[in-house]
Amino acid sequence: MAQALTDKVLAENLLAGNGAALRVKQVLLVILGIAALAVAAKIRVPMWPSPVPVTMTTFAVLTIGAAYGPRLGLATILGYMTIGALGFDVFASSSAELNGMNYMLGGTGGYLLGYVLAALVLGIAARRGLDRSVLGMGAALLLGNALIYVPGLLWLNQFTAGWTQTLDWGLIPYLVGDLVKLGLAALLIPAAWKLVGRARG
């Protein structure tokens, strides 16, 4: 059963203290989250002719959203997007030649918007306590993944010859890999909760 919206998320249970000390810890979490997203984006397998490679970014986005909660998760994703918009090579297919807003407005731009939406929704789901069980986390992850694909495919369709090519480039090659990543995340967060419970027990 979903818990109240005021429930603590995983990161809040790991952060002790208040005031300035808590803010410093939150800033460190955001920095670590941005670094994790940048590294995950570069773990990629090209899926030619699709412009969208298989990466670990989806896993990182969804996991950070669930572990950090809606506010801290959203701050982390927006920080990552801001760094990318400034021209730093933090996205999956960005490079010295193609980066910043030019990259973000390319074929993968819709997926970047989807990351923001997914992180927010996963944070809200975690706040409701859905991250405490594999089934609850799995359902939230499926919704989050859908929120990545919807704007991603709608935007990618502007760069293809039609919906058949869009689905061939931006959806079908990634379904199996996404199921594996979602399964891993669905097991990881509830397991982390159990470890937290044992540590406090």
N, C-alpha and C. Protein backbone atom coordinates (compact mmCIF):
# COMPACT_ATOMS: atom_id res chain seq x y z
N MET A 1 0.85 -1.20 0.00
CA MET A 1 0.00 0.00 0.00
C MET A 1 0.88 1.25 0.00
N ALA A 2 0.58 2.23 -0.87
CA ALA A 2 1.38 3.45 -0.95
C ALA A 2 1.31 4.21 0.35
N GLN A 3 2.42 4.80 0.74
CA GLN A 3 2.49 5.55 1.96
C GLN A 3 2.25 7.02 1.69
N ALA A 4 2.24 7.81 2.74
CA ALA A 4 1.92 9.23 2.61
C ALA A 4 2.97 9.95 1.79
N LEU A 5 2.55 11.05 1.18
CA LEU A 5 3.44 11.82 0.32
C LEU A 5 4.60 12.42 1.09
N THR A 6 4.47 12.51 2.40
CA THR A 6 5.52 13.10 3.23
C THR A 6 6.58 12.10 3.66
N ASP A 7 6.48 10.84 3.25
CA ASP A 7 7.48 9.84 3.62
C ASP A 7 8.86 10.25 3.12
N LYS A 8 9.87 9.86 3.88
CA LYS A 8 11.23 10.15 3.47
C LYS A 8 11.65 9.22 2.34
N VAL A 9 12.49 9.73 1.46
CA VAL A 9 13.06 8.90 0.41
C VAL A 9 14.41 8.37 0.91
N LEU A 10 15.02 7.49 0.13
CA LEU A 10 16.23 6.80 0.56
C LEU A 10 17.34 7.77 0.94
N ALA A 11 17.60 8.77 0.11
CA ALA A 11 18.69 9.70 0.39
C ALA A 11 18.46 10.45 1.70
N GLU A 12 17.23 10.78 2.00
CA GLU A 12 16.92 11.52 3.23
C GLU A 12 17.15 10.66 4.47
N ASN A 13 17.00 9.35 4.33
CA ASN A 13 17.26 8.46 5.45
C ASN A 13 18.76 8.26 5.67
N LEU A 14 19.55 8.54 4.65
CA LEU A 14 20.99 8.41 4.77
C LEU A 14 21.66 9.71 5.18
N LEU A 15 20.92 10.82 5.09
CA LEU A 15 21.48 12.13 5.42
C LEU A 15 21.10 12.52 6.85
N ALA A 16 22.09 12.55 7.70
CA ALA A 16 21.84 13.00 9.07
C ALA A 16 22.13 14.49 9.18
N GLY A 17 21.53 15.12 10.18
CA GLY A 17 21.82 16.53 10.44
C GLY A 17 20.78 17.46 9.85
N ASN A 18 21.01 18.72 10.06
CA ASN A 18 20.11 19.75 9.54
C ASN A 18 20.88 21.03 9.31
N GLY A 19 20.19 22.05 8.84
CA GLY A 19 20.83 23.33 8.60
C GLY A 19 21.91 23.27 7.54
N ALA A 20 23.03 23.96 7.80
CA ALA A 20 24.10 24.07 6.83
C ALA A 20 24.73 22.72 6.49
N ALA A 21 24.87 21.86 7.48
CA ALA A 21 25.48 20.54 7.25
C ALA A 21 24.63 19.72 6.28
N LEU A 22 23.32 19.79 6.46
CA LEU A 22 22.43 19.06 5.56
C LEU A 22 22.52 19.60 4.14
N ARG A 23 22.57 20.94 4.01
CA ARG A 23 22.68 21.55 2.67
C ARG A 23 23.96 21.13 1.97
N VAL A 24 25.05 21.05 2.72
CA VAL A 24 26.32 20.62 2.13
C VAL A 24 26.20 19.19 1.61
N LYS A 25 25.57 18.32 2.39
CA LYS A 25 25.38 16.93 1.98
C LYS A 25 24.50 16.84 0.73
N GLN A 26 23.47 17.68 0.68
CA GLN A 26 22.60 17.68 -0.49
C GLN A 26 23.35 18.13 -1.74
N VAL A 27 24.18 19.15 -1.59
CA VAL A 27 24.99 19.63 -2.72
C VAL A 27 25.94 18.53 -3.19
N LEU A 28 26.54 17.83 -2.25
CA LEU A 28 27.45 16.73 -2.61
C LEU A 28 26.70 15.63 -3.35
N LEU A 29 25.47 15.34 -2.91
CA LEU A 29 24.66 14.33 -3.60
C LEU A 29 24.35 14.75 -5.03
N VAL A 30 24.02 16.02 -5.21
CA VAL A 30 23.74 16.53 -6.55
C VAL A 30 24.97 16.39 -7.44
N ILE A 31 26.13 16.76 -6.91
CA ILE A 31 27.38 16.66 -7.67
C ILE A 31 27.67 15.21 -8.04
N LEU A 32 27.51 14.31 -7.07
CA LEU A 32 27.74 12.89 -7.33
C LEU A 32 26.74 12.35 -8.35
N GLY A 33 25.49 12.81 -8.26
CA GLY A 33 24.48 12.38 -9.20
C GLY A 33 24.78 12.84 -10.62
N ILE A 34 25.22 14.08 -10.76
CA ILE A 34 25.58 14.61 -12.09
C ILE A 34 26.76 13.82 -12.66
N ALA A 35 27.74 13.52 -11.82
CA ALA A 35 28.89 12.74 -12.27
C ALA A 35 28.45 11.35 -12.71
N ALA A 36 27.54 10.73 -11.93
CA ALA A 36 27.04 9.40 -12.29
C ALA A 36 26.31 9.42 -13.62
N LEU A 37 25.51 10.46 -13.84
CA LEU A 37 24.79 10.58 -15.12
C LEU A 37 25.76 10.74 -16.29
N ALA A 38 26.80 11.54 -16.10
CA ALA A 38 27.78 11.77 -17.16
C ALA A 38 28.52 10.48 -17.51
N VAL A 39 28.90 9.72 -16.48
CA VAL A 39 29.60 8.46 -16.70
C VAL A 39 28.66 7.45 -17.36
N ALA A 40 27.42 7.37 -16.86
CA ALA A 40 26.44 6.42 -17.41
C ALA A 40 26.16 6.70 -18.88
N ALA A 41 26.15 7.98 -19.25
CA ALA A 41 25.88 8.36 -20.64
C ALA A 41 26.97 7.86 -21.58
N LYS A 42 28.18 7.74 -21.06
CA LYS A 42 29.31 7.32 -21.90
C LYS A 42 29.49 5.81 -21.94
N ILE A 43 28.71 5.09 -21.14
CA ILE A 43 28.69 3.63 -21.26
C ILE A 43 27.64 3.31 -22.32
N ARG A 44 28.07 3.18 -23.53
CA ARG A 44 27.11 3.13 -24.64
C ARG A 44 27.48 2.07 -25.67
N VAL A 45 26.44 1.57 -26.32
CA VAL A 45 26.60 0.62 -27.41
C VAL A 45 25.86 1.20 -28.61
N PRO A 46 26.56 1.57 -29.68
CA PRO A 46 25.88 2.14 -30.86
C PRO A 46 24.86 1.16 -31.44
N MET A 47 23.74 1.69 -31.90
CA MET A 47 22.68 0.87 -32.50
C MET A 47 22.40 1.39 -33.91
N TRP A 48 23.44 1.44 -34.75
CA TRP A 48 23.30 1.96 -36.11
C TRP A 48 22.19 1.21 -36.85
N PRO A 49 21.35 1.92 -37.64
CA PRO A 49 21.44 3.33 -38.05
C PRO A 49 20.78 4.31 -37.09
N SER A 50 20.29 3.84 -35.95
CA SER A 50 19.65 4.74 -35.00
C SER A 50 20.66 5.75 -34.44
N PRO A 51 20.25 7.02 -34.28
CA PRO A 51 21.13 8.00 -33.66
C PRO A 51 21.15 7.89 -32.14
N VAL A 52 20.36 6.98 -31.58
CA VAL A 52 20.25 6.84 -30.13
C VAL A 52 20.95 5.56 -29.68
N PRO A 53 22.12 5.65 -29.02
CA PRO A 53 22.82 4.45 -28.58
C PRO A 53 22.19 3.88 -27.31
N VAL A 54 22.47 2.61 -27.04
CA VAL A 54 22.09 2.03 -25.76
C VAL A 54 23.09 2.51 -24.71
N THR A 55 22.60 3.11 -23.64
CA THR A 55 23.47 3.60 -22.58
C THR A 55 22.90 3.18 -21.23
N MET A 56 23.61 3.55 -20.17
CA MET A 56 23.12 3.32 -18.81
C MET A 56 22.44 4.57 -18.25
N THR A 57 22.21 5.58 -19.12
CA THR A 57 21.62 6.83 -18.63
C THR A 57 20.23 6.62 -18.06
N THR A 58 19.42 5.82 -18.75
CA THR A 58 18.06 5.57 -18.25
C THR A 58 18.09 4.99 -16.85
N PHE A 59 18.96 4.01 -16.65
CA PHE A 59 19.10 3.39 -15.33
C PHE A 59 19.50 4.44 -14.29
N ALA A 60 20.46 5.29 -14.63
CA ALA A 60 20.93 6.31 -13.69
C ALA A 60 19.84 7.32 -13.38
N VAL A 61 19.13 7.78 -14.42
CA VAL A 61 18.06 8.77 -14.23
C VAL A 61 16.98 8.24 -13.30
N LEU A 62 16.50 7.04 -13.58
CA LEU A 62 15.41 6.47 -12.80
C LEU A 62 15.84 6.16 -11.37
N THR A 63 17.06 5.65 -11.22
CA THR A 63 17.55 5.32 -9.89
C THR A 63 17.76 6.58 -9.05
N ILE A 64 18.34 7.61 -9.65
CA ILE A 64 18.54 8.87 -8.94
C ILE A 64 17.20 9.48 -8.56
N GLY A 65 16.25 9.46 -9.47
CA GLY A 65 14.93 10.00 -9.16
C GLY A 65 14.31 9.32 -7.96
N ALA A 66 14.41 7.99 -7.91
CA ALA A 66 13.82 7.23 -6.80
C ALA A 66 14.58 7.42 -5.51
N ALA A 67 15.90 7.43 -5.58
CA ALA A 67 16.71 7.53 -4.36
C ALA A 67 16.73 8.94 -3.79
N TYR A 68 16.68 9.95 -4.65
CA TYR A 68 16.82 11.34 -4.21
C TYR A 68 15.50 12.01 -3.87
N GLY A 69 14.40 11.53 -4.45
CA GLY A 69 13.13 12.22 -4.25
C GLY A 69 12.91 13.28 -5.31
N PRO A 70 11.71 13.89 -5.35
CA PRO A 70 11.38 14.80 -6.45
C PRO A 70 12.24 16.06 -6.50
N ARG A 71 12.50 16.69 -5.39
CA ARG A 71 13.24 17.96 -5.42
C ARG A 71 14.72 17.76 -5.72
N LEU A 72 15.37 16.91 -4.95
CA LEU A 72 16.80 16.69 -5.14
C LEU A 72 17.07 15.98 -6.46
N GLY A 73 16.19 15.05 -6.83
CA GLY A 73 16.34 14.37 -8.11
C GLY A 73 16.20 15.33 -9.27
N LEU A 74 15.20 16.19 -9.20
CA LEU A 74 14.99 17.17 -10.26
C LEU A 74 16.16 18.14 -10.33
N ALA A 75 16.66 18.58 -9.18
CA ALA A 75 17.81 19.49 -9.16
C ALA A 75 19.02 18.83 -9.82
N THR A 76 19.19 17.54 -9.57
CA THR A 76 20.33 16.81 -10.15
C THR A 76 20.21 16.71 -11.67
N ILE A 77 19.04 16.33 -12.15
CA ILE A 77 18.84 16.19 -13.59
C ILE A 77 18.97 17.54 -14.28
N LEU A 78 18.39 18.59 -13.70
CA LEU A 78 18.48 19.93 -14.30
C LEU A 78 19.92 20.44 -14.27
N GLY A 79 20.65 20.10 -13.21
CA GLY A 79 22.07 20.46 -13.16
C GLY A 79 22.85 19.78 -14.27
N TYR A 80 22.55 18.52 -14.50
CA TYR A 80 23.18 17.75 -15.58
C TYR A 80 22.86 18.37 -16.93
N MET A 81 21.58 18.73 -17.15
CA MET A 81 21.18 19.36 -18.40
C MET A 81 21.86 20.71 -18.60
N THR A 82 21.98 21.47 -17.52
CA THR A 82 22.61 22.79 -17.61
C THR A 82 24.07 22.66 -18.01
N ILE A 83 24.77 21.72 -17.41
CA ILE A 83 26.18 21.50 -17.75
C ILE A 83 26.30 21.09 -19.22
N GLY A 84 25.39 20.23 -19.66
CA GLY A 84 25.40 19.82 -21.07
C GLY A 84 25.09 20.99 -21.99
N ALA A 85 24.14 21.84 -21.60
CA ALA A 85 23.77 22.99 -22.43
C ALA A 85 24.93 23.97 -22.56
N LEU A 86 25.79 24.02 -21.55
CA LEU A 86 26.95 24.91 -21.58
C LEU A 86 28.07 24.41 -22.49
N GLY A 87 27.89 23.20 -23.02
CA GLY A 87 28.85 22.69 -23.99
C GLY A 87 29.76 21.60 -23.50
N PHE A 88 29.59 21.18 -22.26
CA PHE A 88 30.44 20.10 -21.75
C PHE A 88 29.97 18.76 -22.32
N ASP A 89 30.91 17.87 -22.55
CA ASP A 89 30.64 16.59 -23.20
C ASP A 89 30.13 15.57 -22.18
N VAL A 90 28.85 15.70 -21.81
CA VAL A 90 28.28 14.82 -20.78
C VAL A 90 27.15 13.94 -21.30
N PHE A 91 26.74 14.14 -22.56
CA PHE A 91 25.65 13.36 -23.11
C PHE A 91 26.19 12.15 -23.88
N ALA A 92 25.29 11.22 -24.19
CA ALA A 92 25.71 9.95 -24.78
C ALA A 92 26.49 10.12 -26.07
N SER A 93 26.00 10.95 -26.98
CA SER A 93 26.65 11.09 -28.29
C SER A 93 27.23 12.48 -28.53
N SER A 94 27.32 13.27 -27.46
CA SER A 94 27.93 14.60 -27.63
C SER A 94 29.43 14.44 -27.83
N SER A 95 30.04 15.49 -28.38
CA SER A 95 31.47 15.45 -28.67
C SER A 95 31.99 16.87 -28.71
N ALA A 96 33.29 17.02 -29.00
CA ALA A 96 33.86 18.35 -29.11
C ALA A 96 33.23 19.13 -30.26
N GLU A 97 32.78 18.41 -31.29
CA GLU A 97 32.20 19.07 -32.45
C GLU A 97 30.69 19.30 -32.29
N LEU A 98 30.02 18.41 -31.59
CA LEU A 98 28.57 18.50 -31.44
C LEU A 98 28.23 18.45 -29.95
N ASN A 99 27.87 19.61 -29.41
CA ASN A 99 27.58 19.67 -27.98
C ASN A 99 26.64 20.83 -27.69
N GLY A 100 26.38 21.07 -26.44
CA GLY A 100 25.55 22.20 -26.04
C GLY A 100 24.15 22.12 -26.60
N MET A 101 23.58 23.28 -26.88
CA MET A 101 22.21 23.34 -27.38
C MET A 101 22.07 22.71 -28.76
N ASN A 102 23.12 22.76 -29.55
CA ASN A 102 23.06 22.12 -30.88
C ASN A 102 22.80 20.62 -30.74
N TYR A 103 23.46 20.01 -29.78
CA TYR A 103 23.22 18.59 -29.53
C TYR A 103 21.84 18.37 -28.93
N MET A 104 21.47 19.18 -27.96
CA MET A 104 20.21 18.99 -27.23
C MET A 104 18.99 19.16 -28.13
N LEU A 105 19.13 19.93 -29.20
CA LEU A 105 18.02 20.12 -30.13
C LEU A 105 18.07 19.15 -31.31
N GLY A 106 19.01 18.21 -31.25
CA GLY A 106 19.11 17.18 -32.29
C GLY A 106 18.13 16.05 -32.06
N GLY A 107 18.38 14.92 -32.70
CA GLY A 107 17.44 13.81 -32.68
C GLY A 107 17.17 13.22 -31.31
N THR A 108 18.11 13.36 -30.38
CA THR A 108 17.93 12.77 -29.05
C THR A 108 17.33 13.76 -28.05
N GLY A 109 17.02 14.96 -28.50
CA GLY A 109 16.57 15.99 -27.57
C GLY A 109 15.32 15.63 -26.78
N GLY A 110 14.39 14.91 -27.40
CA GLY A 110 13.18 14.53 -26.70
C GLY A 110 13.43 13.60 -25.54
N TYR A 111 14.44 12.75 -25.68
CA TYR A 111 14.77 11.83 -24.59
C TYR A 111 15.32 12.61 -23.39
N LEU A 112 16.05 13.68 -23.65
CA LEU A 112 16.57 14.51 -22.56
C LEU A 112 15.42 15.13 -21.76
N LEU A 113 14.40 15.60 -22.46
CA LEU A 113 13.21 16.11 -21.77
C LEU A 113 12.56 14.99 -20.97
N GLY A 114 12.52 13.80 -21.55
CA GLY A 114 11.94 12.65 -20.86
C GLY A 114 12.68 12.31 -19.58
N TYR A 115 14.00 12.52 -19.56
CA TYR A 115 14.77 12.28 -18.34
C TYR A 115 14.27 13.16 -17.19
N VAL A 116 14.00 14.41 -17.50
CA VAL A 116 13.51 15.34 -16.48
C VAL A 116 12.17 14.87 -15.93
N LEU A 117 11.25 14.51 -16.83
CA LEU A 117 9.92 14.05 -16.42
C LEU A 117 10.02 12.77 -15.61
N ALA A 118 10.85 11.84 -16.06
CA ALA A 118 10.97 10.55 -15.38
C ALA A 118 11.56 10.70 -13.99
N ALA A 119 12.58 11.53 -13.85
CA ALA A 119 13.18 11.73 -12.53
C ALA A 119 12.17 12.31 -11.56
N LEU A 120 11.37 13.25 -12.03
CA LEU A 120 10.35 13.87 -11.17
C LEU A 120 9.31 12.84 -10.74
N VAL A 121 8.81 12.05 -11.68
CA VAL A 121 7.79 11.05 -11.38
C VAL A 121 8.33 9.97 -10.45
N LEU A 122 9.56 9.52 -10.67
CA LEU A 122 10.15 8.51 -9.78
C LEU A 122 10.34 9.08 -8.38
N GLY A 123 10.70 10.35 -8.30
CA GLY A 123 10.83 10.98 -6.99
C GLY A 123 9.51 11.03 -6.25
N ILE A 124 8.45 11.37 -6.96
CA ILE A 124 7.11 11.42 -6.35
C ILE A 124 6.68 10.02 -5.92
N ALA A 125 6.95 9.03 -6.76
CA ALA A 125 6.61 7.65 -6.43
C ALA A 125 7.35 7.20 -5.17
N ALA A 126 8.63 7.56 -5.07
CA ALA A 126 9.40 7.21 -3.89
C ALA A 126 8.86 7.91 -2.65
N ARG A 127 8.45 9.14 -2.82
CA ARG A 127 7.87 9.89 -1.70
C ARG A 127 6.59 9.22 -1.20
N ARG A 128 5.91 8.53 -2.07
CA ARG A 128 4.69 7.80 -1.69
C ARG A 128 5.00 6.40 -1.15
N GLY A 129 6.26 6.04 -1.13
CA GLY A 129 6.65 4.75 -0.57
C GLY A 129 6.65 3.60 -1.54
N LEU A 130 6.48 3.87 -2.84
CA LEU A 130 6.45 2.79 -3.82
C LEU A 130 7.82 2.15 -4.02
N ASP A 131 8.87 2.83 -3.58
CA ASP A 131 10.22 2.29 -3.75
C ASP A 131 10.59 1.26 -2.69
N ARG A 132 9.68 0.98 -1.77
CA ARG A 132 9.98 0.03 -0.70
C ARG A 132 9.79 -1.42 -1.14
N SER A 133 9.06 -1.64 -2.23
CA SER A 133 8.82 -3.01 -2.70
C SER A 133 9.21 -3.14 -4.16
N VAL A 134 9.52 -4.36 -4.56
CA VAL A 134 9.92 -4.61 -5.96
C VAL A 134 8.77 -4.31 -6.90
N LEU A 135 7.55 -4.73 -6.54
CA LEU A 135 6.41 -4.49 -7.42
C LEU A 135 6.10 -3.00 -7.55
N GLY A 136 6.10 -2.29 -6.42
CA GLY A 136 5.83 -0.85 -6.47
C GLY A 136 6.89 -0.12 -7.25
N MET A 137 8.14 -0.48 -7.01
CA MET A 137 9.25 0.15 -7.73
C MET A 137 9.18 -0.19 -9.21
N GLY A 138 8.83 -1.45 -9.52
CA GLY A 138 8.73 -1.86 -10.92
C GLY A 138 7.67 -1.07 -11.67
N ALA A 139 6.52 -0.86 -11.03
CA ALA A 139 5.45 -0.10 -11.67
C ALA A 139 5.87 1.34 -11.90
N ALA A 140 6.52 1.93 -10.91
CA ALA A 140 6.99 3.31 -11.06
C ALA A 140 8.04 3.43 -12.17
N LEU A 141 8.91 2.44 -12.26
CA LEU A 141 9.95 2.45 -13.29
C LEU A 141 9.36 2.33 -14.69
N LEU A 142 8.35 1.50 -14.83
CA LEU A 142 7.69 1.36 -16.14
C LEU A 142 7.08 2.69 -16.57
N LEU A 143 6.43 3.38 -15.63
CA LEU A 143 5.87 4.69 -15.94
C LEU A 143 6.96 5.69 -16.29
N GLY A 144 8.03 5.68 -15.51
CA GLY A 144 9.14 6.59 -15.79
C GLY A 144 9.76 6.33 -17.14
N ASN A 145 9.93 5.06 -17.49
CA ASN A 145 10.51 4.72 -18.79
C ASN A 145 9.60 5.17 -19.93
N ALA A 146 8.29 5.03 -19.74
CA ALA A 146 7.35 5.50 -20.75
C ALA A 146 7.46 7.01 -20.93
N LEU A 147 7.68 7.72 -19.84
CA LEU A 147 7.80 9.18 -19.92
C LEU A 147 9.10 9.61 -20.60
N ILE A 148 10.06 8.73 -20.66
CA ILE A 148 11.27 9.01 -21.45
C ILE A 148 10.99 8.78 -22.93
N TYR A 149 10.30 7.70 -23.23
CA TYR A 149 10.06 7.34 -24.63
C TYR A 149 9.07 8.26 -25.34
N VAL A 150 8.03 8.71 -24.65
CA VAL A 150 7.00 9.50 -25.33
C VAL A 150 7.57 10.78 -25.94
N PRO A 151 8.19 11.67 -25.16
CA PRO A 151 8.76 12.86 -25.81
C PRO A 151 9.95 12.51 -26.71
N GLY A 152 10.68 11.44 -26.34
CA GLY A 152 11.82 11.04 -27.17
C GLY A 152 11.40 10.65 -28.57
N LEU A 153 10.36 9.84 -28.69
CA LEU A 153 9.89 9.39 -29.99
C LEU A 153 9.18 10.50 -30.76
N LEU A 154 8.40 11.32 -30.05
CA LEU A 154 7.72 12.43 -30.72
C LEU A 154 8.73 13.38 -31.35
N TRP A 155 9.82 13.65 -30.63
CA TRP A 155 10.85 14.56 -31.16
C TRP A 155 11.66 13.88 -32.26
N LEU A 156 12.05 12.63 -32.04
CA LEU A 156 12.84 11.91 -33.04
C LEU A 156 12.10 11.80 -34.36
N ASN A 157 10.78 11.71 -34.30
CA ASN A 157 9.98 11.57 -35.51
C ASN A 157 10.15 12.75 -36.46
N GLN A 158 10.57 13.91 -35.93
CA GLN A 158 10.81 15.07 -36.78
C GLN A 158 12.06 14.90 -37.64
N PHE A 159 12.89 13.89 -37.29
CA PHE A 159 14.16 13.69 -37.99
C PHE A 159 14.17 12.42 -38.84
N THR A 160 13.04 11.75 -38.92
CA THR A 160 12.98 10.49 -39.67
C THR A 160 11.98 10.59 -40.83
N ALA A 161 11.88 9.49 -41.58
CA ALA A 161 10.98 9.46 -42.73
C ALA A 161 9.56 9.06 -42.36
N GLY A 162 9.31 8.82 -41.09
CA GLY A 162 7.97 8.42 -40.66
C GLY A 162 8.03 7.57 -39.41
N TRP A 163 6.85 7.17 -38.91
CA TRP A 163 6.78 6.48 -37.63
C TRP A 163 7.42 5.10 -37.66
N THR A 164 7.39 4.44 -38.80
CA THR A 164 8.04 3.12 -38.87
C THR A 164 9.53 3.25 -38.60
N GLN A 165 10.16 4.21 -39.24
CA GLN A 165 11.58 4.44 -39.02
C GLN A 165 11.84 4.94 -37.61
N THR A 166 10.96 5.79 -37.10
CA THR A 166 11.12 6.31 -35.74
C THR A 166 11.14 5.18 -34.72
N LEU A 167 10.20 4.25 -34.85
CA LEU A 167 10.13 3.13 -33.91
C LEU A 167 11.33 2.19 -34.09
N ASP A 168 11.75 2.00 -35.35
CA ASP A 168 12.91 1.15 -35.62
C ASP A 168 14.19 1.77 -35.04
N TRP A 169 14.28 3.09 -35.06
CA TRP A 169 15.47 3.78 -34.58
C TRP A 169 15.43 4.04 -33.07
N GLY A 170 14.25 4.37 -32.56
CA GLY A 170 14.20 4.92 -31.20
C GLY A 170 13.50 4.09 -30.16
N LEU A 171 12.94 2.93 -30.53
CA LEU A 171 12.22 2.13 -29.53
C LEU A 171 12.59 0.66 -29.56
N ILE A 172 12.32 0.02 -30.69
CA ILE A 172 12.40 -1.44 -30.77
C ILE A 172 13.78 -2.00 -30.36
N PRO A 173 14.90 -1.39 -30.79
CA PRO A 173 16.20 -2.00 -30.43
C PRO A 173 16.51 -1.93 -28.94
N TYR A 174 15.76 -1.13 -28.19
CA TYR A 174 16.14 -0.86 -26.80
C TYR A 174 15.25 -1.56 -25.78
N LEU A 175 14.20 -2.23 -26.24
CA LEU A 175 13.22 -2.78 -25.31
C LEU A 175 13.81 -3.83 -24.38
N VAL A 176 14.57 -4.77 -24.92
CA VAL A 176 15.14 -5.83 -24.10
C VAL A 176 16.13 -5.25 -23.09
N GLY A 177 17.00 -4.38 -23.55
CA GLY A 177 17.98 -3.76 -22.65
C GLY A 177 17.31 -2.94 -21.56
N ASP A 178 16.23 -2.25 -21.92
CA ASP A 178 15.51 -1.46 -20.92
C ASP A 178 14.87 -2.34 -19.87
N LEU A 179 14.32 -3.47 -20.28
CA LEU A 179 13.72 -4.39 -19.32
C LEU A 179 14.76 -4.90 -18.32
N VAL A 180 15.96 -5.17 -18.81
CA VAL A 180 17.04 -5.61 -17.92
C VAL A 180 17.40 -4.50 -16.94
N LYS A 181 17.54 -3.27 -17.45
CA LYS A 181 17.90 -2.15 -16.58
C LYS A 181 16.80 -1.85 -15.58
N LEU A 182 15.55 -1.93 -16.00
CA LEU A 182 14.43 -1.68 -15.09
C LEU A 182 14.37 -2.76 -14.02
N GLY A 183 14.62 -4.00 -14.41
CA GLY A 183 14.63 -5.08 -13.43
C GLY A 183 15.71 -4.88 -12.39
N LEU A 184 16.89 -4.45 -12.84
CA LEU A 184 17.99 -4.19 -11.91
C LEU A 184 17.64 -3.07 -10.94
N ALA A 185 17.07 -1.98 -11.45
CA ALA A 185 16.69 -0.86 -10.59
C ALA A 185 15.57 -1.24 -9.63
N ALA A 186 14.63 -2.08 -10.10
CA ALA A 186 13.51 -2.51 -9.26
C ALA A 186 13.99 -3.35 -8.09
N LEU A 187 15.09 -4.04 -8.25
CA LEU A 187 15.67 -4.84 -7.17
C LEU A 187 16.59 -4.00 -6.29
N LEU A 188 17.29 -3.06 -6.88
CA LEU A 188 18.32 -2.30 -6.17
C LEU A 188 17.76 -1.41 -5.07
N ILE A 189 16.76 -0.59 -5.39
CA ILE A 189 16.26 0.38 -4.41
C ILE A 189 15.59 -0.31 -3.22
N PRO A 190 14.67 -1.27 -3.42
CA PRO A 190 14.10 -1.96 -2.25
C PRO A 190 15.17 -2.67 -1.41
N ALA A 191 16.20 -3.22 -2.08
CA ALA A 191 17.29 -3.87 -1.34
C ALA A 191 18.05 -2.86 -0.50
N ALA A 192 18.25 -1.66 -1.05
CA ALA A 192 18.92 -0.60 -0.28
C ALA A 192 18.09 -0.21 0.94
N TRP A 193 16.77 -0.18 0.79
CA TRP A 193 15.90 0.11 1.93
C TRP A 193 16.06 -0.94 3.02
N LYS A 194 16.18 -2.20 2.64
CA LYS A 194 16.35 -3.25 3.63
C LYS A 194 17.67 -3.10 4.37
N LEU A 195 18.70 -2.71 3.65
CA LEU A 195 20.00 -2.48 4.30
C LEU A 195 19.93 -1.31 5.28
N VAL A 196 19.22 -0.27 4.90
CA VAL A 196 19.04 0.88 5.79
C VAL A 196 18.29 0.45 7.06
N GLY A 197 17.25 -0.37 6.87
CA GLY A 197 16.47 -0.85 8.02
C GLY A 197 17.31 -1.69 8.96
N ARG A 198 18.16 -2.54 8.40
CA ARG A 198 19.03 -3.38 9.23
C ARG A 198 20.06 -2.53 9.97
N ALA A 199 20.59 -1.51 9.29
CA ALA A 199 21.58 -0.66 9.93
C ALA A 199 21.00 0.12 11.08
N ARG A 200 19.71 0.44 10.99
CA ARG A 200 19.06 1.20 12.06
C ARG A 200 18.42 0.31 13.11
N GLY A 201 18.37 -1.02 12.78
CA GLY A 201 17.71 -1.94 13.68
C GLY A 201 18.55 -2.33 14.89
